[in-house]
Amino acid sequence: MRWHDHIHSDPSVLLGKPVIRGTRLSVEFLLGLLAEGWTEQDILRSYPQLSREALRAVFAFAAECTRDELVHDVSDGATG
């Protein structure tokens, strides 16, 4: 998946946050909806200007952005 075909940044749109081309829907916003439990169908129904391919590009973008990041300790503090 070439996320570059669907996602771009423009300093004049949402302060340069990555957005879906032709929209003001940011990658951050869409990932937030998914984290809140929205399904792909919920998102596509609520934002008809968004394509399934563009939504998949959000995942590809996030995967690429986190690939080279440092590993963060996400333990819950449990021992054992």
C-alpha atoms as a PDB file:
ATOM      1  CA  MET A   1       0.000   0.000   0.000  1.00  0.00           C
ATOM      2  CA  ARG A   2       1.395   3.381  -1.017  1.00  0.00           C
ATOM      3  CA  TRP A   3      -0.008   5.651   1.649  1.00  0.00           C
ATOM      4  CA  HIS A   4       1.583   8.621  -0.165  1.00  0.00           C
ATOM      5  CA  ASP A   5      -1.221   8.417  -2.726  1.00  0.00           C
ATOM      6  CA  HIS A   6      -3.813   9.159  -0.030  1.00  0.00           C
ATOM      7  CA  ILE A   7      -2.105  11.140   2.739  1.00  0.00           C
ATOM      8  CA  HIS A   8      -0.269  14.439   2.638  1.00  0.00           C
ATOM      9  CA  SER A   9       0.711  17.377   4.819  1.00  0.00           C
ATOM     10  CA  ASP A  10       0.126  21.026   4.006  1.00  0.00           C
ATOM     11  CA  PRO A  11       1.121  23.737   6.485  1.00  0.00           C
ATOM     12  CA  SER A  12      -2.063  25.641   5.613  1.00  0.00           C
ATOM     13  CA  VAL A  13      -4.317  22.686   6.557  1.00  0.00           C
ATOM     14  CA  LEU A  14      -4.597  21.686  10.228  1.00  0.00           C
ATOM     15  CA  LEU A  15      -1.156  23.133  10.960  1.00  0.00           C
ATOM     16  CA  GLY A  16       0.497  20.607   8.667  1.00  0.00           C
ATOM     17  CA  LYS A  17      -0.888  17.476  10.302  1.00  0.00           C
ATOM     18  CA  PRO A  18      -1.080  14.508   7.922  1.00  0.00           C
ATOM     19  CA  VAL A  19      -4.562  14.420   6.365  1.00  0.00           C
ATOM     20  CA  ILE A  20      -6.420  12.409   3.755  1.00  0.00           C
ATOM     21  CA  ARG A  21      -5.966  14.187   0.421  1.00  0.00           C
ATOM     22  CA  GLY A  22      -8.898  16.426  -0.450  1.00  0.00           C
ATOM     23  CA  THR A  23     -10.218  16.435   3.118  1.00  0.00           C
ATOM     24  CA  ARG A  24      -9.489  17.894   6.509  1.00  0.00           C
ATOM     25  CA  LEU A  25      -9.645  14.427   8.082  1.00  0.00           C
ATOM     26  CA  SER A  26      -6.367  13.926   9.910  1.00  0.00           C
ATOM     27  CA  VAL A  27      -4.649  10.604  10.432  1.00  0.00           C
ATOM     28  CA  GLU A  28      -4.699  11.378  14.155  1.00  0.00           C
ATOM     29  CA  PHE A  29      -8.486  11.928  14.125  1.00  0.00           C
ATOM     30  CA  LEU A  30      -9.187   8.713  12.222  1.00  0.00           C
ATOM     31  CA  LEU A  31      -6.918   6.629  14.451  1.00  0.00           C
ATOM     32  CA  GLY A  32      -8.683   8.166  17.433  1.00  0.00           C
ATOM     33  CA  LEU A  33     -12.070   7.062  16.111  1.00  0.00           C
ATOM     34  CA  LEU A  34     -10.765   3.526  15.674  1.00  0.00           C
ATOM     35  CA  ALA A  35      -9.294   3.588  19.191  1.00  0.00           C
ATOM     36  CA  GLU A  36     -12.728   4.600  20.515  1.00  0.00           C
ATOM     37  CA  GLY A  37     -14.248   1.511  18.921  1.00  0.00           C
ATOM     38  CA  TRP A  38     -15.579   2.864  15.640  1.00  0.00           C
ATOM     39  CA  THR A  39     -15.573   0.244  12.906  1.00  0.00           C
ATOM     40  CA  GLU A  40     -14.396   0.783   9.362  1.00  0.00           C
ATOM     41  CA  GLN A  41     -18.051   0.743   8.307  1.00  0.00           C
ATOM     42  CA  ASP A  42     -18.944   3.393  10.919  1.00  0.00           C
ATOM     43  CA  ILE A  43     -16.222   5.694   9.639  1.00  0.00           C
ATOM     44  CA  LEU A  44     -17.012   5.200   5.953  1.00  0.00           C
ATOM     45  CA  ARG A  45     -20.718   5.758   6.596  1.00  0.00           C
ATOM     46  CA  SER A  46     -20.065   8.938   8.605  1.00  0.00           C
ATOM     47  CA  TYR A  47     -17.466  10.333   6.202  1.00  0.00           C
ATOM     48  CA  PRO A  48     -18.571   9.377   2.676  1.00  0.00           C
ATOM     49  CA  GLN A  49     -15.744  11.414   1.128  1.00  0.00           C
ATOM     50  CA  LEU A  50     -13.351   8.823   2.599  1.00  0.00           C
ATOM     51  CA  SER A  51     -12.563   5.697   0.601  1.00  0.00           C
ATOM     52  CA  ARG A  52     -11.722   2.282   1.987  1.00  0.00           C
ATOM     53  CA  GLU A  53      -8.278   2.583   0.359  1.00  0.00           C
ATOM     54  CA  ALA A  54      -7.662   5.928   2.078  1.00  0.00           C
ATOM     55  CA  LEU A  55      -8.592   4.400   5.421  1.00  0.00           C
ATOM     56  CA  ARG A  56      -6.156   1.541   4.808  1.00  0.00           C
ATOM     57  CA  ALA A  57      -3.527   4.155   3.991  1.00  0.00           C
ATOM     58  CA  VAL A  58      -3.973   5.502   7.532  1.00  0.00           C
ATOM     59  CA  PHE A  59      -2.811   2.132   8.877  1.00  0.00           C
ATOM     60  CA  ALA A  60       0.091   1.965   6.428  1.00  0.00           C
ATOM     61  CA  PHE A  61       1.149   5.491   7.401  1.00  0.00           C
ATOM     62  CA  ALA A  62       0.960   4.691  11.119  1.00  0.00           C
ATOM     63  CA  ALA A  63       2.907   1.465  10.628  1.00  0.00           C
ATOM     64  CA  GLU A  64       5.667   3.246   8.739  1.00  0.00           C
ATOM     65  CA  CYS A  65       5.847   6.079  11.271  1.00  0.00           C
ATOM     66  CA  THR A  66       6.197   3.693  14.197  1.00  0.00           C
ATOM     67  CA  ARG A  67       8.533   1.218  12.509  1.00  0.00           C
ATOM     68  CA  ASP A  68      11.686   3.120  13.413  1.00  0.00           C
ATOM     69  CA  GLU A  69      10.495   4.591  16.699  1.00  0.00           C
ATOM     70  CA  LEU A  70      12.000   3.651  20.013  1.00  0.00           C
ATOM     71  CA  VAL A  71      10.192   0.950  21.909  1.00  0.00           C
ATOM     72  CA  HIS A  72       8.207   2.441  24.785  1.00  0.00           C
ATOM     73  CA  ASP A  73       7.580   0.567  27.989  1.00  0.00           C
ATOM     74  CA  VAL A  74       3.857  -0.200  27.903  1.00  0.00           C
ATOM     75  CA  SER A  75       3.800  -2.495  30.907  1.00  0.00           C
ATOM     76  CA  ASP A  76       0.962  -2.015  33.335  1.00  0.00           C
ATOM     77  CA  GLY A  77       3.231  -2.207  36.334  1.00  0.00           C
ATOM     78  CA  ALA A  78       2.223  -5.760  37.186  1.00  0.00           C
ATOM     79  CA  THR A  79       4.914  -8.024  38.542  1.00  0.00           C
ATOM     80  CA  GLY A  80       5.362 -11.641  38.105  1.00  0.00           C
END
